């Protein structure tokens, strides 16, 4: 991925920035659109926010469950037991 300097901008006293119109047009960023702010190695990155589908959310949950070694069956059993005791 090639990086190039598009413009230099200033942060206002309120912490606000203006994304230059050429950059907005080039990337298709429209008024009112949400952006995600990320930091990486001392840099600030802006990305277009994506609407997540139910499948996307499910895949992310599956990934975390596997990475963390979470026993879903055990969690469900504990939740059912708790619900029964709460009646």
PDB file of N, CA and C in Angstrom:
ATOM      1  N   UNK A   1       0.850  -1.174   0.000  1.00  0.00           N
ATOM      2  CA  UNK A   1       0.000   0.000   0.000  1.00  0.00           C
ATOM      3  C   UNK A   1       0.894   1.235   0.000  1.00  0.00           C
ATOM      4  N   UNK A   2       0.741   2.026  -1.002  1.00  0.00           N
ATOM      5  CA  UNK A   2       1.565   3.225  -1.138  1.00  0.00           C
ATOM      6  C   UNK A   2       0.936   4.385  -0.384  1.00  0.00           C
ATOM      7  N   UNK A   3       1.759   5.069   0.399  1.00  0.00           N
ATOM      8  CA  UNK A   3       1.287   6.243   1.124  1.00  0.00           C
ATOM      9  C   UNK A   3       1.768   7.488   0.404  1.00  0.00           C
ATOM     10  N   UNK A   4       0.911   8.478   0.344  1.00  0.00           N
ATOM     11  CA  UNK A   4       1.340   9.744  -0.222  1.00  0.00           C
ATOM     12  C   UNK A   4       0.706  10.877   0.557  1.00  0.00           C
ATOM     13  N   UNK A   5       1.426  11.969   0.677  1.00  0.00           N
ATOM     14  CA  UNK A   5       0.913  13.131   1.393  1.00  0.00           C
ATOM     15  C   UNK A   5      -0.080  13.840   0.485  1.00  0.00           C
ATOM     16  N   UNK A   6      -1.314  13.960   0.965  1.00  0.00           N
ATOM     17  CA  UNK A   6      -2.370  14.628   0.205  1.00  0.00           C
ATOM     18  C   UNK A   6      -2.442  16.110   0.561  1.00  0.00           C
ATOM     19  N   UNK A   7      -2.235  16.410   1.843  1.00  0.00           N
ATOM     20  CA  UNK A   7      -2.372  17.775   2.330  1.00  0.00           C
ATOM     21  C   UNK A   7      -1.878  17.810   3.769  1.00  0.00           C
ATOM     22  N   UNK A   8      -1.682  18.989   4.297  1.00  0.00           N
ATOM     23  CA  UNK A   8      -1.347  19.171   5.705  1.00  0.00           C
ATOM     24  C   UNK A   8      -2.515  19.920   6.324  1.00  0.00           C
ATOM     25  N   UNK A   9      -3.018  19.408   7.451  1.00  0.00           N
ATOM     26  CA  UNK A   9      -4.173  20.031   8.102  1.00  0.00           C
ATOM     27  C   UNK A   9      -3.804  20.406   9.531  1.00  0.00           C
ATOM     28  N   UNK A  10      -4.627  21.264  10.118  1.00  0.00           N
ATOM     29  CA  UNK A  10      -4.382  21.744  11.472  1.00  0.00           C
ATOM     30  C   UNK A  10      -5.517  21.272  12.382  1.00  0.00           C
ATOM     31  N   UNK A  11      -5.169  20.940  13.620  1.00  0.00           N
ATOM     32  CA  UNK A  11      -6.163  20.572  14.626  1.00  0.00           C
ATOM     33  C   UNK A  11      -6.627  21.858  15.301  1.00  0.00           C
ATOM     34  N   UNK A  12      -7.957  22.047  15.375  1.00  0.00           N
ATOM     35  CA  UNK A  12      -8.503  23.265  15.989  1.00  0.00           C
ATOM     36  C   UNK A  12      -8.373  23.202  17.508  1.00  0.00           C
ATOM     37  N   UNK A  13      -8.684  24.311  18.161  1.00  0.00           N
ATOM     38  CA  UNK A  13      -8.636  24.360  19.631  1.00  0.00           C
ATOM     39  C   UNK A  13      -9.639  23.397  20.259  1.00  0.00           C
ATOM     40  N   UNK A  14     -10.656  23.003  19.487  1.00  0.00           N
ATOM     41  CA  UNK A  14     -11.650  22.035  19.961  1.00  0.00           C
ATOM     42  C   UNK A  14     -11.272  20.602  19.589  1.00  0.00           C
ATOM     43  N   UNK A  15     -10.088  20.413  19.005  1.00  0.00           N
ATOM     44  CA  UNK A  15      -9.647  19.072  18.624  1.00  0.00           C
ATOM     45  C   UNK A  15     -10.221  18.601  17.303  1.00  0.00           C
ATOM     46  N   UNK A  16     -10.799  19.506  16.534  1.00  0.00           N
ATOM     47  CA  UNK A  16     -11.426  19.137  15.269  1.00  0.00           C
ATOM     48  C   UNK A  16     -10.451  19.265  14.110  1.00  0.00           C
ATOM     49  N   UNK A  17     -10.680  18.441  13.084  1.00  0.00           N
ATOM     50  CA  UNK A  17      -9.910  18.540  11.846  1.00  0.00           C
ATOM     51  C   UNK A  17     -10.880  18.612  10.677  1.00  0.00           C
ATOM     52  N   UNK A  18     -10.399  19.118   9.561  1.00  0.00           N
ATOM     53  CA  UNK A  18     -11.184  19.138   8.327  1.00  0.00           C
ATOM     54  C   UNK A  18     -10.462  18.247   7.329  1.00  0.00           C
ATOM     55  N   UNK A  19     -11.171  17.267   6.806  1.00  0.00           N
ATOM     56  CA  UNK A  19     -10.593  16.400   5.782  1.00  0.00           C
ATOM     57  C   UNK A  19     -10.693  17.156   4.464  1.00  0.00           C
ATOM     58  N   UNK A  20      -9.575  17.377   3.794  1.00  0.00           N
ATOM     59  CA  UNK A  20      -9.601  18.144   2.546  1.00  0.00           C
ATOM     60  C   UNK A  20     -10.590  17.562   1.532  1.00  0.00           C
ATOM     61  N   UNK A  21     -11.263  18.446   0.793  1.00  0.00           N
ATOM     62  CA  UNK A  21     -12.302  18.002  -0.147  1.00  0.00           C
ATOM     63  C   UNK A  21     -11.757  17.028  -1.185  1.00  0.00           C
ATOM     64  N   UNK A  22     -10.529  17.226  -1.641  1.00  0.00           N
ATOM     65  CA  UNK A  22      -9.946  16.307  -2.619  1.00  0.00           C
ATOM     66  C   UNK A  22      -9.822  14.895  -2.077  1.00  0.00           C
ATOM     67  N   UNK A  23      -9.460  14.785  -0.808  1.00  0.00           N
ATOM     68  CA  UNK A  23      -9.338  13.471  -0.163  1.00  0.00           C
ATOM     69  C   UNK A  23     -10.720  12.854   0.006  1.00  0.00           C
ATOM     70  N   UNK A  24     -11.699  13.671   0.442  1.00  0.00           N
ATOM     71  CA  UNK A  24     -13.071  13.164   0.607  1.00  0.00           C
ATOM     72  C   UNK A  24     -13.608  12.644  -0.716  1.00  0.00           C
ATOM     73  N   UNK A  25     -13.399  13.405  -1.782  1.00  0.00           N
ATOM     74  CA  UNK A  25     -13.885  12.981  -3.103  1.00  0.00           C
ATOM     75  C   UNK A  25     -13.180  11.714  -3.564  1.00  0.00           C
ATOM     76  N   UNK A  26     -11.873  11.682  -3.401  1.00  0.00           N
ATOM     77  CA  UNK A  26     -11.073  10.530  -3.836  1.00  0.00           C
ATOM     78  C   UNK A  26     -11.515   9.241  -3.146  1.00  0.00           C
ATOM     79  N   UNK A  27     -11.873   9.343  -1.857  1.00  0.00           N
ATOM     80  CA  UNK A  27     -12.253   8.164  -1.079  1.00  0.00           C
ATOM     81  C   UNK A  27     -13.762   7.969  -0.968  1.00  0.00           C
ATOM     82  N   UNK A  28     -14.520   8.899  -1.526  1.00  0.00           N
ATOM     83  CA  UNK A  28     -15.979   8.764  -1.497  1.00  0.00           C
ATOM     84  C   UNK A  28     -16.598   8.994  -0.134  1.00  0.00           C
ATOM     85  N   UNK A  29     -15.983   9.847   0.684  1.00  0.00           N
ATOM     86  CA  UNK A  29     -16.518  10.156   2.010  1.00  0.00           C
ATOM     87  C   UNK A  29     -17.529  11.282   1.861  1.00  0.00           C
ATOM     88  N   UNK A  30     -18.752  11.017   2.299  1.00  0.00           N
ATOM     89  CA  UNK A  30     -19.836  11.992   2.157  1.00  0.00           C
ATOM     90  C   UNK A  30     -20.192  12.616   3.505  1.00  0.00           C
ATOM     91  N   UNK A  31     -20.824  13.764   3.460  1.00  0.00           N
ATOM     92  CA  UNK A  31     -21.259  14.467   4.659  1.00  0.00           C
ATOM     93  C   UNK A  31     -22.155  13.564   5.504  1.00  0.00           C
ATOM     94  N   UNK A  32     -21.905  13.519   6.796  1.00  0.00           N
ATOM     95  CA  UNK A  32     -22.716  12.720   7.706  1.00  0.00           C
ATOM     96  C   UNK A  32     -22.269  11.273   7.831  1.00  0.00           C
ATOM     97  N   UNK A  33     -21.356  10.853   6.966  1.00  0.00           N
ATOM     98  CA  UNK A  33     -20.875   9.472   7.012  1.00  0.00           C
ATOM     99  C   UNK A  33     -19.976   9.282   8.237  1.00  0.00           C
ATOM    100  N   UNK A  34     -20.041   8.104   8.848  1.00  0.00           N
ATOM    101  CA  UNK A  34     -19.231   7.824  10.030  1.00  0.00           C
ATOM    102  C   UNK A  34     -17.877   7.257   9.627  1.00  0.00           C
ATOM    103  N   UNK A  35     -16.858   7.674  10.382  1.00  0.00           N
ATOM    104  CA  UNK A  35     -15.504   7.171  10.196  1.00  0.00           C
ATOM    105  C   UNK A  35     -15.041   6.538  11.501  1.00  0.00           C
ATOM    106  N   UNK A  36     -14.174   5.566  11.404  1.00  0.00           N
ATOM    107  CA  UNK A  36     -13.571   4.921  12.562  1.00  0.00           C
ATOM    108  C   UNK A  36     -12.174   5.517  12.727  1.00  0.00           C
ATOM    109  N   UNK A  37     -11.823   5.898  13.954  1.00  0.00           N
ATOM    110  CA  UNK A  37     -10.501   6.450  14.238  1.00  0.00           C
ATOM    111  C   UNK A  37      -9.653   5.349  14.872  1.00  0.00           C
ATOM    112  N   UNK A  38      -8.508   5.062  14.253  1.00  0.00           N
ATOM    113  CA  UNK A  38      -7.592   4.039  14.748  1.00  0.00           C
ATOM    114  C   UNK A  38      -6.245   4.678  15.028  1.00  0.00           C
ATOM    115  N   UNK A  39      -5.472   4.082  15.924  1.00  0.00           N
ATOM    116  CA  UNK A  39      -4.093   4.509  16.130  1.00  0.00           C
ATOM    117  C   UNK A  39      -3.189   3.311  15.888  1.00  0.00           C
ATOM    118  N   UNK A  40      -2.064   3.572  15.241  1.00  0.00           N
ATOM    119  CA  UNK A  40      -1.101   2.501  14.980  1.00  0.00           C
ATOM    120  C   UNK A  40       0.299   3.106  14.932  1.00  0.00           C
ATOM    121  N   UNK A  41       1.160   2.617  15.811  1.00  0.00           N
ATOM    122  CA  UNK A  41       2.561   3.055  15.836  1.00  0.00           C
ATOM    123  C   UNK A  41       2.699   4.574  15.823  1.00  0.00           C
ATOM    124  N   UNK A  42       1.891   5.254  16.627  1.00  0.00           N
ATOM    125  CA  UNK A  42       1.980   6.705  16.726  1.00  0.00           C
ATOM    126  C   UNK A  42       1.269   7.471  15.625  1.00  0.00           C
ATOM    127  N   UNK A  43       0.596   6.763  14.723  1.00  0.00           N
ATOM    128  CA  UNK A  43      -0.143   7.409  13.639  1.00  0.00           C
ATOM    129  C   UNK A  43      -1.638   7.345  13.904  1.00  0.00           C
ATOM    130  N   UNK A  44      -2.371   8.287  13.343  1.00  0.00           N
ATOM    131  CA  UNK A  44      -3.831   8.293  13.394  1.00  0.00           C
ATOM    132  C   UNK A  44      -4.328   7.857  12.022  1.00  0.00           C
ATOM    133  N   UNK A  45      -5.234   6.888  12.011  1.00  0.00           N
ATOM    134  CA  UNK A  45      -5.816   6.405  10.760  1.00  0.00           C
ATOM    135  C   UNK A  45      -7.318   6.619  10.795  1.00  0.00           C
ATOM    136  N   UNK A  46      -7.883   7.037   9.692  1.00  0.00           N
ATOM    137  CA  UNK A  46      -9.333   7.170   9.558  1.00  0.00           C
ATOM    138  C   UNK A  46      -9.794   6.157   8.529  1.00  0.00           C
ATOM    139  N   UNK A  47     -10.841   5.422   8.861  1.00  0.00           N
ATOM    140  CA  UNK A  47     -11.422   4.460   7.927  1.00  0.00           C
ATOM    141  C   UNK A  47     -12.925   4.667   7.888  1.00  0.00           C
ATOM    142  N   UNK A  48     -13.509   4.366   6.738  1.00  0.00           N
ATOM    143  CA  UNK A  48     -14.961   4.403   6.644  1.00  0.00           C
ATOM    144  C   UNK A  48     -15.529   3.316   7.552  1.00  0.00           C
ATOM    145  N   UNK A  49     -16.552   3.679   8.314  1.00  0.00           N
ATOM    146  CA  UNK A  49     -17.216   2.703   9.174  1.00  0.00           C
ATOM    147  C   UNK A  49     -18.064   1.796   8.300  1.00  0.00           C
ATOM    148  N   UNK A  50     -18.013   0.516   8.583  1.00  0.00           N
ATOM    149  CA  UNK A  50     -18.785  -0.449   7.799  1.00  0.00           C
ATOM    150  C   UNK A  50     -19.966  -0.939   8.623  1.00  0.00           C
ATOM    151  N   UNK A  51     -21.076  -1.114   7.946  1.00  0.00           N
ATOM    152  CA  UNK A  51     -22.231  -1.733   8.583  1.00  0.00           C
ATOM    153  C   UNK A  51     -21.939  -3.228   8.662  1.00  0.00           C
ATOM    154  N   UNK A  52     -22.077  -3.806   9.830  1.00  0.00           N
ATOM    155  CA  UNK A  52     -21.807  -5.228   9.985  1.00  0.00           C
ATOM    156  C   UNK A  52     -23.088  -6.032   9.810  1.00  0.00           C
ATOM    157  N   UNK A  53     -22.994  -7.081   9.022  1.00  0.00           N
ATOM    158  CA  UNK A  53     -24.134  -7.982   8.874  1.00  0.00           C
ATOM    159  C   UNK A  53     -24.143  -8.944  10.057  1.00  0.00           C
ATOM    160  N   UNK A  54     -25.237  -9.652  10.231  1.00  0.00           N
ATOM    161  CA  UNK A  54     -25.338 -10.644  11.293  1.00  0.00           C
ATOM    162  C   UNK A  54     -24.277 -11.725  11.112  1.00  0.00           C
ATOM    163  N   UNK A  55     -23.989 -12.093   9.860  1.00  0.00           N
ATOM    164  CA  UNK A  55     -22.937 -13.079   9.584  1.00  0.00           C
ATOM    165  C   UNK A  55     -21.574 -12.563  10.037  1.00  0.00           C
ATOM    166  N   UNK A  56     -21.288 -11.270   9.765  1.00  0.00           N
ATOM    167  CA  UNK A  56     -20.016 -10.682  10.198  1.00  0.00           C
ATOM    168  C   UNK A  56     -19.867 -10.757  11.716  1.00  0.00           C
ATOM    169  N   UNK A  57     -20.935 -10.406  12.422  1.00  0.00           N
ATOM    170  CA  UNK A  57     -20.909 -10.434  13.885  1.00  0.00           C
ATOM    171  C   UNK A  57     -20.687 -11.864  14.369  1.00  0.00           C
ATOM    172  N   UNK A  58     -21.396 -12.810  13.775  1.00  0.00           N
ATOM    173  CA  UNK A  58     -21.241 -14.216  14.151  1.00  0.00           C
ATOM    174  C   UNK A  58     -19.826 -14.716  13.934  1.00  0.00           C
ATOM    175  N   UNK A  59     -19.225 -14.341  12.813  1.00  0.00           N
ATOM    176  CA  UNK A  59     -17.848 -14.754  12.529  1.00  0.00           C
ATOM    177  C   UNK A  59     -16.874 -14.162  13.542  1.00  0.00           C
ATOM    178  N   UNK A  60     -17.101 -12.922  13.919  1.00  0.00           N
ATOM    179  CA  UNK A  60     -16.219 -12.294  14.913  1.00  0.00           C
ATOM    180  C   UNK A  60     -16.364 -12.974  16.271  1.00  0.00           C
ATOM    181  N   UNK A  61     -17.593 -13.295  16.642  1.00  0.00           N
ATOM    182  CA  UNK A  61     -17.819 -13.993  17.912  1.00  0.00           C
ATOM    183  C   UNK A  61     -17.148 -15.359  17.875  1.00  0.00           C
ATOM    184  N   UNK A  62     -17.315 -16.093  16.782  1.00  0.00           N
ATOM    185  CA  UNK A  62     -16.670 -17.407  16.644  1.00  0.00           C
ATOM    186  C   UNK A  62     -15.160 -17.298  16.801  1.00  0.00           C
ATOM    187  N   UNK A  63     -14.571 -16.283  16.176  1.00  0.00           N
ATOM    188  CA  UNK A  63     -13.119 -16.108  16.245  1.00  0.00           C
ATOM    189  C   UNK A  63     -12.664 -15.860  17.683  1.00  0.00           C
ATOM    190  N   UNK A  64     -13.379 -14.991  18.403  1.00  0.00           N
ATOM    191  CA  UNK A  64     -13.014 -14.687  19.790  1.00  0.00           C
ATOM    192  C   UNK A  64     -13.186 -15.922  20.664  1.00  0.00           C
ATOM    193  N   UNK A  65     -14.266 -16.660  20.460  1.00  0.00           N
ATOM    194  CA  UNK A  65     -14.513 -17.882  21.234  1.00  0.00           C
ATOM    195  C   UNK A  65     -13.351 -18.853  21.053  1.00  0.00           C
ATOM    196  N   UNK A  66     -12.908 -19.039  19.818  1.00  0.00           N
ATOM    197  CA  UNK A  66     -11.791 -19.957  19.547  1.00  0.00           C
ATOM    198  C   UNK A  66     -10.483 -19.429  20.126  1.00  0.00           C
ATOM    199  N   UNK A  67     -10.208 -18.136  19.922  1.00  0.00           N
ATOM    200  CA  UNK A  67      -8.953 -17.551  20.412  1.00  0.00           C
ATOM    201  C   UNK A  67      -8.857 -17.593  21.929  1.00  0.00           C
ATOM    202  N   UNK A  68      -9.978 -17.372  22.607  1.00  0.00           N
ATOM    203  CA  UNK A  68      -9.989 -17.323  24.068  1.00  0.00           C
ATOM    204  C   UNK A  68     -10.238 -18.690  24.695  1.00  0.00           C
ATOM    205  N   UNK A  69     -10.553 -19.683  23.881  1.00  0.00           N
ATOM    206  CA  UNK A  69     -10.813 -21.028  24.405  1.00  0.00           C
ATOM    207  C   UNK A  69     -12.068 -21.087  25.265  1.00  0.00           C
ATOM    208  N   UNK A  70     -13.077 -20.337  24.885  1.00  0.00           N
ATOM    209  CA  UNK A  70     -14.320 -20.278  25.656  1.00  0.00           C
ATOM    210  C   UNK A  70     -15.158 -21.523  25.375  1.00  0.00           C
ATOM    211  N   UNK A  71     -15.641 -22.158  26.451  1.00  0.00           N
ATOM    212  CA  UNK A  71     -16.498 -23.343  26.331  1.00  0.00           C
ATOM    213  C   UNK A  71     -17.954 -22.865  26.292  1.00  0.00           C
ATOM    214  N   UNK A  72     -18.495 -22.735  25.092  1.00  0.00           N
ATOM    215  CA  UNK A  72     -19.849 -22.196  24.906  1.00  0.00           C
ATOM    216  C   UNK A  72     -20.893 -23.097  25.556  1.00  0.00           C
ATOM    217  N   UNK A  73     -20.740 -24.402  25.409  1.00  0.00           N
ATOM    218  CA  UNK A  73     -21.704 -25.336  26.011  1.00  0.00           C
ATOM    219  C   UNK A  73     -21.761 -25.155  27.526  1.00  0.00           C
ATOM    220  N   UNK A  74     -20.607 -24.982  28.146  1.00  0.00           N
ATOM    221  CA  UNK A  74     -20.557 -24.774  29.597  1.00  0.00           C
ATOM    222  C   UNK A  74     -21.249 -23.464  29.967  1.00  0.00           C
ATOM    223  N   UNK A  75     -20.994 -22.407  29.205  1.00  0.00           N
ATOM    224  CA  UNK A  75     -21.640 -21.121  29.483  1.00  0.00           C
ATOM    225  C   UNK A  75     -23.155 -21.213  29.372  1.00  0.00           C
ATOM    226  N   UNK A  76     -23.629 -21.907  28.341  1.00  0.00           N
ATOM    227  CA  UNK A  76     -25.076 -22.066  28.152  1.00  0.00           C
ATOM    228  C   UNK A  76     -25.665 -22.854  29.316  1.00  0.00           C
ATOM    229  N   UNK A  77     -24.999 -23.941  29.715  1.00  0.00           N
ATOM    230  CA  UNK A  77     -25.490 -24.757  30.832  1.00  0.00           C
ATOM    231  C   UNK A  77     -25.552 -23.934  32.115  1.00  0.00           C
ATOM    232  N   UNK A  78     -24.529 -23.120  32.363  1.00  0.00           N
ATOM    233  CA  UNK A  78     -24.526 -22.264  33.554  1.00  0.00           C
ATOM    234  C   UNK A  78     -25.644 -21.231  33.494  1.00  0.00           C
ATOM    235  N   UNK A  79     -25.899 -20.667  32.322  1.00  0.00           N
ATOM    236  CA  UNK A  79     -26.969 -19.679  32.169  1.00  0.00           C
ATOM    237  C   UNK A  79     -28.334 -20.313  32.402  1.00  0.00           C
ATOM    238  N   UNK A  80     -28.530 -21.516  31.875  1.00  0.00           N
ATOM    239  CA  UNK A  80     -29.800 -22.228  32.070  1.00  0.00           C
ATOM    240  C   UNK A  80     -30.000 -22.527  33.551  1.00  0.00           C
ATOM    241  N   UNK A  81     -28.950 -23.003  34.212  1.00  0.00           N
ATOM    242  CA  UNK A  81     -29.043 -23.315  35.643  1.00  0.00           C
ATOM    243  C   UNK A  81     -29.366 -22.059  36.450  1.00  0.00           C
ATOM    244  N   UNK A  82     -28.707 -20.951  36.125  1.00  0.00           N
ATOM    245  CA  UNK A  82     -28.962 -19.694  36.820  1.00  0.00           C
ATOM    246  C   UNK A  82     -30.413 -19.254  36.613  1.00  0.00           C
ATOM    247  N   UNK A  83     -30.914 -19.383  35.367  1.00  0.00           N
ATOM    248  CA  UNK A  83     -32.287 -18.974  35.058  1.00  0.00           C
ATOM    249  C   UNK A  83     -33.295 -19.822  35.827  1.00  0.00           C
ATOM    250  N   UNK A  84     -33.024 -21.103  35.935  1.00  0.00           N
ATOM    251  CA  UNK A  84     -33.941 -21.996  36.671  1.00  0.00           C
ATOM    252  C   UNK A  84     -33.971 -21.647  38.154  1.00  0.00           C
ATOM    253  N   UNK A  85     -32.826 -21.322  38.715  1.00  0.00           N
ATOM    254  CA  UNK A  85     -32.756 -20.973  40.138  1.00  0.00           C
ATOM    255  C   UNK A  85     -33.422 -19.631  40.418  1.00  0.00           C
ATOM    256  N   UNK A  86     -33.450 -18.771  39.423  1.00  0.00           N
ATOM    257  CA  UNK A  86     -33.993 -17.420  39.598  1.00  0.00           C
ATOM    258  C   UNK A  86     -35.512 -17.371  39.573  1.00  0.00           C
ATOM    259  N   UNK A  87     -36.148 -18.463  39.200  1.00  0.00           N
ATOM    260  CA  UNK A  87     -37.623 -18.462  39.088  1.00  0.00           C
ATOM    261  C   UNK A  87     -38.293 -18.371  40.418  1.00  0.00           C
TER     262      UNK A  87
END
